[in-house]
Amino acid sequence: MRSGFCTGARSAFGAAAHHLLAQTGLSRRLTHVLAVDYTPADRYLERINLVFDGGIADGRPAGAVPVRELGRAMAPAQAARVADALAGRALPFLLHGQRAA
């Protein structure tokens, strides 16, 4: 089972929590979406990426990346999704990491 993908009976929240645990060792119950990013089909299938609120980490857990360093730790579209989600007060609709309108 690939980390972060919704397959079978696993919910989007469950997939995100599994991915967070696999990547950082943080076990969180994810309940709020901060951004939705639609990515049209290109070399991959069409998909929807969700950015979840994982809360604030106590201290600096292994695998955690400070917000200011996200651009170096993530693919550009991933970093754009997270930065836009953290900057917004409302749930933005994104198109491949950028605001759709």
N, C-alpha and C. Protein backbone atom coordinates (compact mmCIF):
# COMPACT_ATOMS: atom_id res chain seq x y z
N MET A 1 0.85 -1.18 0.00
CA MET A 1 0.00 0.00 0.00
C MET A 1 0.89 1.23 0.00
N ARG A 2 0.67 2.11 -0.97
CA ARG A 2 1.48 3.33 -1.05
C ARG A 2 1.00 4.35 -0.04
N SER A 3 1.94 4.97 0.62
CA SER A 3 1.66 5.97 1.62
C SER A 3 1.01 7.19 0.98
N GLY A 4 -0.08 7.66 1.58
CA GLY A 4 -0.72 8.88 1.11
C GLY A 4 -1.82 8.69 0.08
N PHE A 5 -1.99 7.47 -0.43
CA PHE A 5 -3.02 7.22 -1.43
C PHE A 5 -4.27 6.65 -0.78
N CYS A 6 -5.45 7.05 -1.27
CA CYS A 6 -6.71 6.48 -0.81
C CYS A 6 -7.00 5.26 -1.68
N THR A 7 -7.03 4.12 -1.07
CA THR A 7 -7.35 2.89 -1.79
C THR A 7 -8.28 2.05 -0.94
N GLY A 8 -9.18 1.34 -1.59
CA GLY A 8 -10.09 0.47 -0.84
C GLY A 8 -10.92 1.25 0.16
N ALA A 9 -10.89 0.79 1.39
CA ALA A 9 -11.72 1.40 2.43
C ALA A 9 -10.99 2.52 3.19
N ARG A 10 -9.75 2.82 2.85
CA ARG A 10 -9.01 3.86 3.59
C ARG A 10 -9.49 5.24 3.16
N SER A 11 -9.82 6.06 4.14
CA SER A 11 -10.30 7.43 3.87
C SER A 11 -9.13 8.34 3.53
N ALA A 12 -9.46 9.52 3.02
CA ALA A 12 -8.43 10.52 2.74
C ALA A 12 -7.72 10.90 4.03
N PHE A 13 -8.46 11.03 5.13
CA PHE A 13 -7.86 11.37 6.42
C PHE A 13 -6.90 10.26 6.87
N GLY A 14 -7.33 9.02 6.70
CA GLY A 14 -6.49 7.88 7.07
C GLY A 14 -5.23 7.80 6.23
N ALA A 15 -5.37 8.05 4.93
CA ALA A 15 -4.21 8.02 4.04
C ALA A 15 -3.22 9.12 4.40
N ALA A 16 -3.73 10.30 4.72
CA ALA A 16 -2.85 11.41 5.10
C ALA A 16 -2.14 11.13 6.42
N ALA A 17 -2.85 10.58 7.38
CA ALA A 17 -2.24 10.25 8.68
C ALA A 17 -1.17 9.17 8.49
N HIS A 18 -1.44 8.19 7.64
CA HIS A 18 -0.46 7.13 7.35
C HIS A 18 0.78 7.71 6.70
N HIS A 19 0.59 8.62 5.76
CA HIS A 19 1.72 9.25 5.07
C HIS A 19 2.54 10.10 6.05
N LEU A 20 1.87 10.87 6.90
CA LEU A 20 2.56 11.68 7.89
C LEU A 20 3.41 10.80 8.81
N LEU A 21 2.84 9.70 9.27
CA LEU A 21 3.57 8.78 10.15
C LEU A 21 4.78 8.18 9.42
N ALA A 22 4.57 7.76 8.17
CA ALA A 22 5.65 7.14 7.40
C ALA A 22 6.79 8.12 7.12
N GLN A 23 6.46 9.38 6.87
CA GLN A 23 7.47 10.36 6.49
C GLN A 23 8.16 11.03 7.68
N THR A 24 7.43 11.20 8.80
CA THR A 24 7.98 11.99 9.91
C THR A 24 8.01 11.26 11.24
N GLY A 25 7.28 10.16 11.36
CA GLY A 25 7.17 9.48 12.65
C GLY A 25 6.11 10.10 13.55
N LEU A 26 5.41 11.15 13.07
CA LEU A 26 4.37 11.79 13.86
C LEU A 26 3.04 11.07 13.67
N SER A 27 2.40 10.72 14.76
CA SER A 27 1.09 10.08 14.72
C SER A 27 0.05 11.13 15.10
N ARG A 28 -0.77 11.51 14.14
CA ARG A 28 -1.78 12.55 14.37
C ARG A 28 -3.12 12.10 13.83
N ARG A 29 -4.19 12.56 14.45
CA ARG A 29 -5.54 12.39 13.92
C ARG A 29 -5.82 13.64 13.09
N LEU A 30 -5.91 13.48 11.79
CA LEU A 30 -6.11 14.61 10.89
C LEU A 30 -7.59 14.76 10.61
N THR A 31 -8.14 15.94 10.90
CA THR A 31 -9.58 16.13 10.76
C THR A 31 -9.97 17.34 9.92
N HIS A 32 -9.01 18.22 9.59
CA HIS A 32 -9.35 19.44 8.86
C HIS A 32 -8.49 19.58 7.61
N VAL A 33 -9.15 19.90 6.51
CA VAL A 33 -8.46 20.16 5.24
C VAL A 33 -8.19 21.65 5.13
N LEU A 34 -6.95 22.00 4.77
CA LEU A 34 -6.58 23.41 4.61
C LEU A 34 -6.63 23.86 3.15
N ALA A 35 -6.43 22.92 2.23
CA ALA A 35 -6.45 23.27 0.80
C ALA A 35 -6.79 22.04 -0.02
N VAL A 36 -7.42 22.30 -1.17
CA VAL A 36 -7.74 21.28 -2.16
C VAL A 36 -7.08 21.70 -3.46
N ASP A 37 -6.30 20.81 -4.05
CA ASP A 37 -5.55 21.12 -5.27
C ASP A 37 -5.90 20.10 -6.34
N TYR A 38 -6.55 20.54 -7.39
CA TYR A 38 -6.88 19.67 -8.53
C TYR A 38 -5.72 19.70 -9.51
N THR A 39 -5.24 18.54 -9.91
CA THR A 39 -4.17 18.43 -10.89
C THR A 39 -4.70 17.66 -12.09
N PRO A 40 -4.80 18.30 -13.25
CA PRO A 40 -5.30 17.60 -14.44
C PRO A 40 -4.32 16.50 -14.87
N ALA A 41 -4.83 15.57 -15.64
CA ALA A 41 -4.00 14.46 -16.12
C ALA A 41 -2.84 15.00 -16.96
N ASP A 42 -1.66 14.49 -16.67
CA ASP A 42 -0.48 14.79 -17.47
C ASP A 42 0.22 13.45 -17.65
N ARG A 43 1.42 13.30 -17.14
CA ARG A 43 2.07 11.99 -17.23
C ARG A 43 1.50 11.04 -16.19
N TYR A 44 0.75 11.58 -15.22
CA TYR A 44 0.06 10.79 -14.22
C TYR A 44 -1.44 10.90 -14.46
N LEU A 45 -2.21 10.16 -13.69
CA LEU A 45 -3.66 10.28 -13.77
C LEU A 45 -4.12 11.60 -13.16
N GLU A 46 -5.29 12.04 -13.58
CA GLU A 46 -5.92 13.20 -12.95
C GLU A 46 -6.04 12.91 -11.45
N ARG A 47 -5.83 13.93 -10.62
CA ARG A 47 -5.90 13.68 -9.19
C ARG A 47 -6.29 14.93 -8.41
N ILE A 48 -6.70 14.70 -7.17
CA ILE A 48 -6.98 15.77 -6.23
C ILE A 48 -6.04 15.57 -5.05
N ASN A 49 -5.30 16.62 -4.71
CA ASN A 49 -4.39 16.60 -3.57
C ASN A 49 -5.02 17.40 -2.44
N LEU A 50 -4.99 16.86 -1.24
CA LEU A 50 -5.54 17.53 -0.08
C LEU A 50 -4.41 17.88 0.88
N VAL A 51 -4.46 19.10 1.42
CA VAL A 51 -3.50 19.52 2.44
C VAL A 51 -4.25 19.54 3.76
N PHE A 52 -3.81 18.71 4.71
CA PHE A 52 -4.47 18.58 6.00
C PHE A 52 -3.74 19.38 7.07
N ASP A 53 -4.48 19.80 8.09
CA ASP A 53 -3.90 20.47 9.24
C ASP A 53 -3.44 19.40 10.22
N GLY A 54 -2.13 19.31 10.42
CA GLY A 54 -1.57 18.33 11.34
C GLY A 54 -1.27 18.90 12.71
N GLY A 55 -1.67 20.14 12.94
CA GLY A 55 -1.42 20.76 14.24
C GLY A 55 0.01 21.26 14.36
N ILE A 56 0.38 21.63 15.55
CA ILE A 56 1.71 22.16 15.84
C ILE A 56 2.52 21.06 16.53
N ALA A 57 3.70 20.81 16.03
CA ALA A 57 4.57 19.79 16.63
C ALA A 57 5.28 20.38 17.84
N ASP A 58 5.33 19.61 18.91
CA ASP A 58 6.08 20.02 20.11
C ASP A 58 7.56 19.83 19.84
N GLY A 59 8.36 20.86 20.14
CA GLY A 59 9.79 20.75 19.91
C GLY A 59 10.10 20.63 18.43
N ARG A 60 11.04 19.78 18.08
CA ARG A 60 11.41 19.56 16.67
C ARG A 60 11.54 18.06 16.44
N PRO A 61 10.41 17.38 16.18
CA PRO A 61 10.47 15.93 15.97
C PRO A 61 11.35 15.58 14.76
N ALA A 62 11.96 14.41 14.82
CA ALA A 62 12.75 13.93 13.68
C ALA A 62 11.88 13.91 12.45
N GLY A 63 12.38 14.40 11.34
CA GLY A 63 11.62 14.43 10.09
C GLY A 63 10.81 15.69 9.88
N ALA A 64 10.61 16.48 10.94
CA ALA A 64 9.84 17.72 10.80
C ALA A 64 10.69 18.76 10.07
N VAL A 65 10.02 19.56 9.25
CA VAL A 65 10.70 20.59 8.46
C VAL A 65 10.08 21.94 8.83
N PRO A 66 10.89 22.92 9.22
CA PRO A 66 10.34 24.25 9.50
C PRO A 66 9.67 24.82 8.24
N VAL A 67 8.62 25.59 8.44
CA VAL A 67 7.87 26.17 7.32
C VAL A 67 8.80 26.92 6.36
N ARG A 68 9.75 27.66 6.87
CA ARG A 68 10.63 28.45 6.02
C ARG A 68 11.52 27.58 5.12
N GLU A 69 11.65 26.28 5.42
CA GLU A 69 12.49 25.38 4.64
C GLU A 69 11.70 24.42 3.74
N LEU A 70 10.40 24.61 3.64
CA LEU A 70 9.57 23.70 2.85
C LEU A 70 9.99 23.64 1.39
N GLY A 71 10.41 24.75 0.84
CA GLY A 71 10.81 24.80 -0.57
C GLY A 71 12.00 23.90 -0.88
N ARG A 72 12.83 23.65 0.11
CA ARG A 72 13.99 22.77 -0.08
C ARG A 72 13.66 21.31 0.20
N ALA A 73 12.57 21.06 0.93
CA ALA A 73 12.24 19.70 1.36
C ALA A 73 11.15 19.06 0.51
N MET A 74 10.46 19.83 -0.32
CA MET A 74 9.32 19.32 -1.09
C MET A 74 9.46 19.67 -2.55
N ALA A 75 8.72 18.94 -3.37
CA ALA A 75 8.60 19.29 -4.78
C ALA A 75 7.93 20.67 -4.86
N PRO A 76 8.20 21.44 -5.90
CA PRO A 76 7.65 22.80 -6.00
C PRO A 76 6.12 22.86 -5.85
N ALA A 77 5.38 21.97 -6.49
CA ALA A 77 3.92 22.01 -6.38
C ALA A 77 3.47 21.69 -4.95
N GLN A 78 4.16 20.76 -4.28
CA GLN A 78 3.82 20.44 -2.89
C GLN A 78 4.07 21.63 -1.98
N ALA A 79 5.23 22.25 -2.12
CA ALA A 79 5.55 23.42 -1.30
C ALA A 79 4.57 24.55 -1.55
N ALA A 80 4.16 24.75 -2.80
CA ALA A 80 3.18 25.80 -3.12
C ALA A 80 1.84 25.51 -2.46
N ARG A 81 1.40 24.25 -2.46
CA ARG A 81 0.14 23.87 -1.81
C ARG A 81 0.18 24.23 -0.33
N VAL A 82 1.24 23.82 0.34
CA VAL A 82 1.35 24.03 1.78
C VAL A 82 1.46 25.52 2.10
N ALA A 83 2.30 26.24 1.37
CA ALA A 83 2.45 27.68 1.62
C ALA A 83 1.14 28.41 1.44
N ASP A 84 0.39 28.08 0.39
CA ASP A 84 -0.89 28.74 0.15
C ASP A 84 -1.89 28.39 1.24
N ALA A 85 -1.90 27.13 1.66
CA ALA A 85 -2.82 26.71 2.72
C ALA A 85 -2.51 27.42 4.04
N LEU A 86 -1.23 27.58 4.36
CA LEU A 86 -0.85 28.24 5.61
C LEU A 86 -1.13 29.73 5.58
N ALA A 87 -1.09 30.35 4.41
CA ALA A 87 -1.30 31.79 4.29
C ALA A 87 -2.77 32.18 4.27
N GLY A 88 -3.65 31.26 3.88
CA GLY A 88 -5.06 31.58 3.69
C GLY A 88 -5.90 31.50 4.94
N ARG A 89 -6.99 32.23 4.92
CA ARG A 89 -7.97 32.17 6.00
C ARG A 89 -9.18 31.36 5.57
N ALA A 90 -9.36 31.18 4.28
CA ALA A 90 -10.45 30.39 3.74
C ALA A 90 -9.86 29.22 2.97
N LEU A 91 -10.64 28.22 2.72
CA LEU A 91 -10.18 27.05 2.00
C LEU A 91 -10.01 27.41 0.53
N PRO A 92 -8.77 27.47 0.03
CA PRO A 92 -8.56 27.83 -1.37
C PRO A 92 -8.74 26.62 -2.29
N PHE A 93 -9.21 26.84 -3.50
CA PHE A 93 -9.23 25.79 -4.52
C PHE A 93 -8.00 26.03 -5.39
N LEU A 94 -7.16 25.02 -5.49
CA LEU A 94 -5.91 25.14 -6.21
C LEU A 94 -5.91 24.29 -7.47
N LEU A 95 -5.19 24.75 -8.47
CA LEU A 95 -5.00 24.01 -9.72
C LEU A 95 -3.50 23.78 -9.87
N HIS A 96 -3.06 22.57 -9.64
CA HIS A 96 -1.66 22.17 -9.67
C HIS A 96 -0.78 23.10 -8.83
N GLY A 97 -1.21 23.30 -7.59
CA GLY A 97 -0.44 24.08 -6.63
C GLY A 97 -0.63 25.58 -6.66
N GLN A 98 -1.45 26.09 -7.55
CA GLN A 98 -1.67 27.53 -7.66
C GLN A 98 -3.16 27.83 -7.49
N ARG A 99 -3.46 29.01 -6.96
CA ARG A 99 -4.88 29.38 -6.82
C ARG A 99 -5.54 29.37 -8.19
N ALA A 100 -6.74 28.78 -8.23
CA ALA A 100 -7.42 28.58 -9.51
C ALA A 100 -7.99 29.87 -10.08
N ALA A 101 -8.27 30.83 -9.25
CA ALA A 101 -8.87 32.06 -9.78
C ALA A 101 -8.28 33.29 -9.17
